Each structure stands twice: as C-alpha cells, then as structure tokens.
C-alpha cells in the first residue's frame, strides 16, 4: 500500500470510530420531546389535567390543547393524564411511563380515548352550543 493509501485508511478509521462513539447532537432525550395533544370533539366542556399537580386546562366544544414535557413548567415523564367533565365524571385516567411515544387524546360525547397520534376520526363532530358546525377546526 502506498503512503497516501495508508494515510487515507487511517483517516477513515478515525472518522468511523468518532462517529460510532459520539451521540447524535440533534437527538434530544425522548422525555424532552414527548407531547400530548388533546382534542375535544364533544359539545360538552372537557377538563384536562396532564400531569399530577398541573393546572387544569378547560376545553370547550371543538377546542384543543398541546402539552410538551420539559416546556412551560411541564415535568419530564412519567405523567398521569386525567380528563373529566365539569360534573366530575372521569372520562380518561391514564399513566404515561418514561419512554412512551407521544400521545393524542380524543374526547367524544361518550368518553375519551388515548392513541399514538395520526390516523383519522370517523363521523362528523358535534354541533356546539354557540352554533359552530362540526367541520370547524380544532385549535390549541
């Protein structure tokens, strides 16, 4: 092997070792990027407590909210998510352990469910007390 070939081989080996041992700079820990999106597709008010001790978030008809671990006072996982009606009836009561993928909560007239974000929802939305039609955009 020529002198140039040896130098190139050593350079490639050093670059490979450095990239194999260095953590990716653009990948923050999962608990800092974890998100919870809540959509109220019900004509009734939904009250969301995203983690133990969090202030309640009140969502009216066709409103939504977005929470992110590590931002705006939100702690890292684990979280304990509770969604209830204004009369106190619990619609969802779920623990979110460390390492969980992001979640989405959909509140419907009959209850609420949690899923990994994505997918579609069946049927139209509610007719809100203020006359907003079911095709209205959820905000949050």
C-alpha atoms as a PDB file:
ATOM      1  CA  UNK A   1       0.000   0.000   0.000  1.00  0.00           C
ATOM      2  CA  UNK A   2       1.294   3.459  -0.816  1.00  0.00           C
ATOM      3  CA  UNK A   3       1.906   6.148   1.765  1.00  0.00           C
ATOM      4  CA  UNK A   4      -1.190   8.089   0.566  1.00  0.00           C
ATOM      5  CA  UNK A   5      -3.297   4.938   0.851  1.00  0.00           C
ATOM      6  CA  UNK A   6      -2.145   4.325   4.449  1.00  0.00           C
ATOM      7  CA  UNK A   7      -2.923   7.917   5.462  1.00  0.00           C
ATOM      8  CA  UNK A   8      -6.388   7.738   3.865  1.00  0.00           C
ATOM      9  CA  UNK A   9      -7.122   4.406   5.564  1.00  0.00           C
ATOM     10  CA  UNK A  10      -6.120   5.749   8.988  1.00  0.00           C
ATOM     11  CA  UNK A  11      -8.232   8.895   8.434  1.00  0.00           C
ATOM     12  CA  UNK A  12     -11.278   6.814   7.518  1.00  0.00           C
ATOM     13  CA  UNK A  13     -10.844   4.568  10.559  1.00  0.00           C
ATOM     14  CA  UNK A  14     -10.558   7.566  12.900  1.00  0.00           C
ATOM     15  CA  UNK A  15     -13.676   9.166  11.408  1.00  0.00           C
ATOM     16  CA  UNK A  16     -15.618   5.915  11.757  1.00  0.00           C
ATOM     17  CA  UNK A  17     -14.584   5.489  15.410  1.00  0.00           C
ATOM     18  CA  UNK A  18     -15.538   9.083  16.256  1.00  0.00           C
ATOM     19  CA  UNK A  19     -18.984   8.822  14.659  1.00  0.00           C
ATOM     20  CA  UNK A  20     -19.649   5.472  16.355  1.00  0.00           C
ATOM     21  CA  UNK A  21     -18.903   6.807  19.853  1.00  0.00           C
ATOM     22  CA  UNK A  22     -20.365  10.312  19.679  1.00  0.00           C
ATOM     23  CA  UNK A  23     -24.090  10.667  20.457  1.00  0.00           C
ATOM     24  CA  UNK A  24     -26.143  12.384  17.776  1.00  0.00           C
ATOM     25  CA  UNK A  25     -26.189  16.119  18.504  1.00  0.00           C
ATOM     26  CA  UNK A  26     -29.686  16.628  17.063  1.00  0.00           C
ATOM     27  CA  UNK A  27     -31.491  13.947  19.114  1.00  0.00           C
ATOM     28  CA  UNK A  28     -32.784  15.348  22.423  1.00  0.00           C
ATOM     29  CA  UNK A  29     -33.902  12.854  25.072  1.00  0.00           C
ATOM     30  CA  UNK A  30     -37.370  11.383  24.446  1.00  0.00           C
ATOM     31  CA  UNK A  31     -38.756  12.843  27.676  1.00  0.00           C
ATOM     32  CA  UNK A  32     -37.971  16.390  26.472  1.00  0.00           C
ATOM     33  CA  UNK A  33     -39.706  15.963  23.128  1.00  0.00           C
ATOM     34  CA  UNK A  34     -42.705  13.994  24.392  1.00  0.00           C
ATOM     35  CA  UNK A  35     -46.002  15.641  23.515  1.00  0.00           C
ATOM     36  CA  UNK A  36     -49.654  15.261  24.388  1.00  0.00           C
ATOM     37  CA  UNK A  37     -52.340  16.706  22.137  1.00  0.00           C
ATOM     38  CA  UNK A  38     -55.938  16.805  23.355  1.00  0.00           C
ATOM     39  CA  UNK A  39     -58.928  17.426  21.087  1.00  0.00           C
ATOM     40  CA  UNK A  40     -62.419  17.980  22.440  1.00  0.00           C
ATOM     41  CA  UNK A  41     -64.838  16.711  19.786  1.00  0.00           C
ATOM     42  CA  UNK A  42     -67.746  16.979  22.176  1.00  0.00           C
ATOM     43  CA  UNK A  43     -70.306  19.750  22.756  1.00  0.00           C
ATOM     44  CA  UNK A  44     -69.592  19.472  26.495  1.00  0.00           C
ATOM     45  CA  UNK A  45     -66.625  21.004  28.328  1.00  0.00           C
ATOM     46  CA  UNK A  46     -63.619  18.734  28.922  1.00  0.00           C
ATOM     47  CA  UNK A  47     -61.231  19.432  31.798  1.00  0.00           C
ATOM     48  CA  UNK A  48     -57.678  18.131  31.295  1.00  0.00           C
ATOM     49  CA  UNK A  49     -55.035  17.605  33.981  1.00  0.00           C
ATOM     50  CA  UNK A  50     -51.986  16.425  32.005  1.00  0.00           C
ATOM     51  CA  UNK A  51     -49.760  15.539  34.993  1.00  0.00           C
ATOM     52  CA  UNK A  52     -50.173  15.324  38.755  1.00  0.00           C
ATOM     53  CA  UNK A  53     -50.224  18.840  40.187  1.00  0.00           C
ATOM     54  CA  UNK A  54     -50.724  20.551  36.817  1.00  0.00           C
ATOM     55  CA  UNK A  55     -53.227  23.371  36.462  1.00  0.00           C
ATOM     56  CA  UNK A  56     -56.461  22.279  34.821  1.00  0.00           C
ATOM     57  CA  UNK A  57     -56.998  23.140  31.170  1.00  0.00           C
ATOM     58  CA  UNK A  58     -60.639  23.688  30.233  1.00  0.00           C
ATOM     59  CA  UNK A  59     -61.534  22.858  26.631  1.00  0.00           C
ATOM     60  CA  UNK A  60     -64.816  23.942  25.118  1.00  0.00           C
ATOM     61  CA  UNK A  61     -66.516  22.462  22.100  1.00  0.00           C
ATOM     62  CA  UNK A  62     -64.037  21.794  19.271  1.00  0.00           C
ATOM     63  CA  UNK A  63     -61.072  23.173  21.192  1.00  0.00           C
ATOM     64  CA  UNK A  64     -57.686  21.544  21.627  1.00  0.00           C
ATOM     65  CA  UNK A  65     -54.547  21.816  23.746  1.00  0.00           C
ATOM     66  CA  UNK A  66     -50.892  20.871  23.287  1.00  0.00           C
ATOM     67  CA  UNK A  67     -48.519  19.922  26.115  1.00  0.00           C
ATOM     68  CA  UNK A  68     -44.802  19.140  25.854  1.00  0.00           C
ATOM     69  CA  UNK A  69     -42.586  17.586  28.519  1.00  0.00           C
ATOM     70  CA  UNK A  70     -39.879  19.972  29.665  1.00  0.00           C
ATOM     71  CA  UNK A  71     -41.623  23.147  28.408  1.00  0.00           C
ATOM     72  CA  UNK A  72     -43.782  25.776  30.102  1.00  0.00           C
ATOM     73  CA  UNK A  73     -43.421  24.166  33.518  1.00  0.00           C
ATOM     74  CA  UNK A  74     -44.243  20.649  32.342  1.00  0.00           C
ATOM     75  CA  UNK A  75     -42.144  17.977  34.059  1.00  0.00           C
ATOM     76  CA  UNK A  76     -40.486  15.052  32.286  1.00  0.00           C
ATOM     77  CA  UNK A  77     -42.356  11.745  32.121  1.00  0.00           C
ATOM     78  CA  UNK A  78     -43.949   9.920  33.867  1.00  0.00           C
ATOM     79  CA  UNK A  79     -47.259  11.775  33.653  1.00  0.00           C
ATOM     80  CA  UNK A  80     -50.704  10.933  34.958  1.00  0.00           C
ATOM     81  CA  UNK A  81     -53.326  12.225  32.500  1.00  0.00           C
ATOM     82  CA  UNK A  82     -56.901  12.781  33.668  1.00  0.00           C
ATOM     83  CA  UNK A  83     -59.776  14.057  31.528  1.00  0.00           C
ATOM     84  CA  UNK A  84     -63.142  14.723  33.123  1.00  0.00           C
ATOM     85  CA  UNK A  85     -66.402  16.557  32.607  1.00  0.00           C
ATOM     86  CA  UNK A  86     -67.411  19.660  34.576  1.00  0.00           C
ATOM     87  CA  UNK A  87     -69.656  17.451  36.749  1.00  0.00           C
ATOM     88  CA  UNK A  88     -66.561  15.481  37.844  1.00  0.00           C
ATOM     89  CA  UNK A  89     -67.209  12.359  35.726  1.00  0.00           C
ATOM     90  CA  UNK A  90     -63.823  10.899  34.735  1.00  0.00           C
ATOM     91  CA  UNK A  91     -63.521  10.129  31.014  1.00  0.00           C
ATOM     92  CA  UNK A  92     -59.855   9.083  30.955  1.00  0.00           C
ATOM     93  CA  UNK A  93     -57.382   8.237  33.711  1.00  0.00           C
ATOM     94  CA  UNK A  94     -54.058   7.028  32.335  1.00  0.00           C
ATOM     95  CA  UNK A  95     -50.422   6.767  33.472  1.00  0.00           C
ATOM     96  CA  UNK A  96     -47.757   7.586  30.863  1.00  0.00           C
ATOM     97  CA  UNK A  97     -44.448   5.876  31.711  1.00  0.00           C
ATOM     98  CA  UNK A  98     -40.980   7.062  30.756  1.00  0.00           C
ATOM     99  CA  UNK A  99     -40.101   6.020  27.199  1.00  0.00           C
ATOM    100  CA  UNK A 100     -43.674   6.226  25.861  1.00  0.00           C
ATOM    101  CA  UNK A 101     -44.256   7.587  22.365  1.00  0.00           C
ATOM    102  CA  UNK A 102     -46.167  10.879  22.004  1.00  0.00           C
ATOM    103  CA  UNK A 103     -49.905  10.585  22.646  1.00  0.00           C
ATOM    104  CA  UNK A 104     -53.139  12.116  21.485  1.00  0.00           C
ATOM    105  CA  UNK A 105     -56.394  12.223  23.467  1.00  0.00           C
ATOM    106  CA  UNK A 106     -59.704  12.462  21.650  1.00  0.00           C
ATOM    107  CA  UNK A 107     -62.703  13.492  23.750  1.00  0.00           C
ATOM    108  CA  UNK A 108     -66.059  12.430  22.323  1.00  0.00           C
ATOM    109  CA  UNK A 109     -69.603  12.718  23.681  1.00  0.00           C
ATOM    110  CA  UNK A 110     -69.498   9.179  25.116  1.00  0.00           C
ATOM    111  CA  UNK A 111     -65.982   9.288  26.592  1.00  0.00           C
ATOM    112  CA  UNK A 112     -62.332   9.765  25.722  1.00  0.00           C
ATOM    113  CA  UNK A 113     -59.543   7.599  24.352  1.00  0.00           C
ATOM    114  CA  UNK A 114     -55.782   7.858  24.017  1.00  0.00           C
ATOM    115  CA  UNK A 115     -53.738   6.808  20.994  1.00  0.00           C
ATOM    116  CA  UNK A 116     -50.454   7.364  19.210  1.00  0.00           C
ATOM    117  CA  UNK A 117     -51.006  10.482  17.030  1.00  0.00           C
ATOM    118  CA  UNK A 118     -52.191  10.034  13.487  1.00  0.00           C
ATOM    119  CA  UNK A 119     -54.998   8.337  11.734  1.00  0.00           C
ATOM    120  CA  UNK A 120     -58.454   9.623  11.045  1.00  0.00           C
ATOM    121  CA  UNK A 121     -61.598  10.023  13.073  1.00  0.00           C
ATOM    122  CA  UNK A 122     -64.929   8.666  11.932  1.00  0.00           C
ATOM    123  CA  UNK A 123     -68.116  10.670  11.647  1.00  0.00           C
ATOM    124  CA  UNK A 124     -68.690  14.368  11.987  1.00  0.00           C
ATOM    125  CA  UNK A 125     -68.097  16.443  15.045  1.00  0.00           C
ATOM    126  CA  UNK A 126     -70.691  17.961  17.338  1.00  0.00           C
ATOM    127  CA  UNK A 127     -72.922  20.978  16.889  1.00  0.00           C
ATOM    128  CA  UNK A 128     -71.564  23.340  19.513  1.00  0.00           C
ATOM    129  CA  UNK A 129     -73.830  25.397  21.769  1.00  0.00           C
ATOM    130  CA  UNK A 130     -72.616  28.580  20.014  1.00  0.00           C
ATOM    131  CA  UNK A 131     -73.693  27.193  16.628  1.00  0.00           C
ATOM    132  CA  UNK A 132     -70.217  26.212  15.410  1.00  0.00           C
ATOM    133  CA  UNK A 133     -70.582  23.416  12.857  1.00  0.00           C
ATOM    134  CA  UNK A 134     -68.895  20.041  13.122  1.00  0.00           C
ATOM    135  CA  UNK A 135     -66.402  20.902  10.384  1.00  0.00           C
ATOM    136  CA  UNK A 136     -64.784  23.627  12.499  1.00  0.00           C
ATOM    137  CA  UNK A 137     -61.043  23.495  13.020  1.00  0.00           C
ATOM    138  CA  UNK A 138     -59.739  22.430  16.425  1.00  0.00           C
ATOM    139  CA  UNK A 139     -57.409  24.979  17.974  1.00  0.00           C
ATOM    140  CA  UNK A 140     -54.992  24.771  20.830  1.00  0.00           C
END
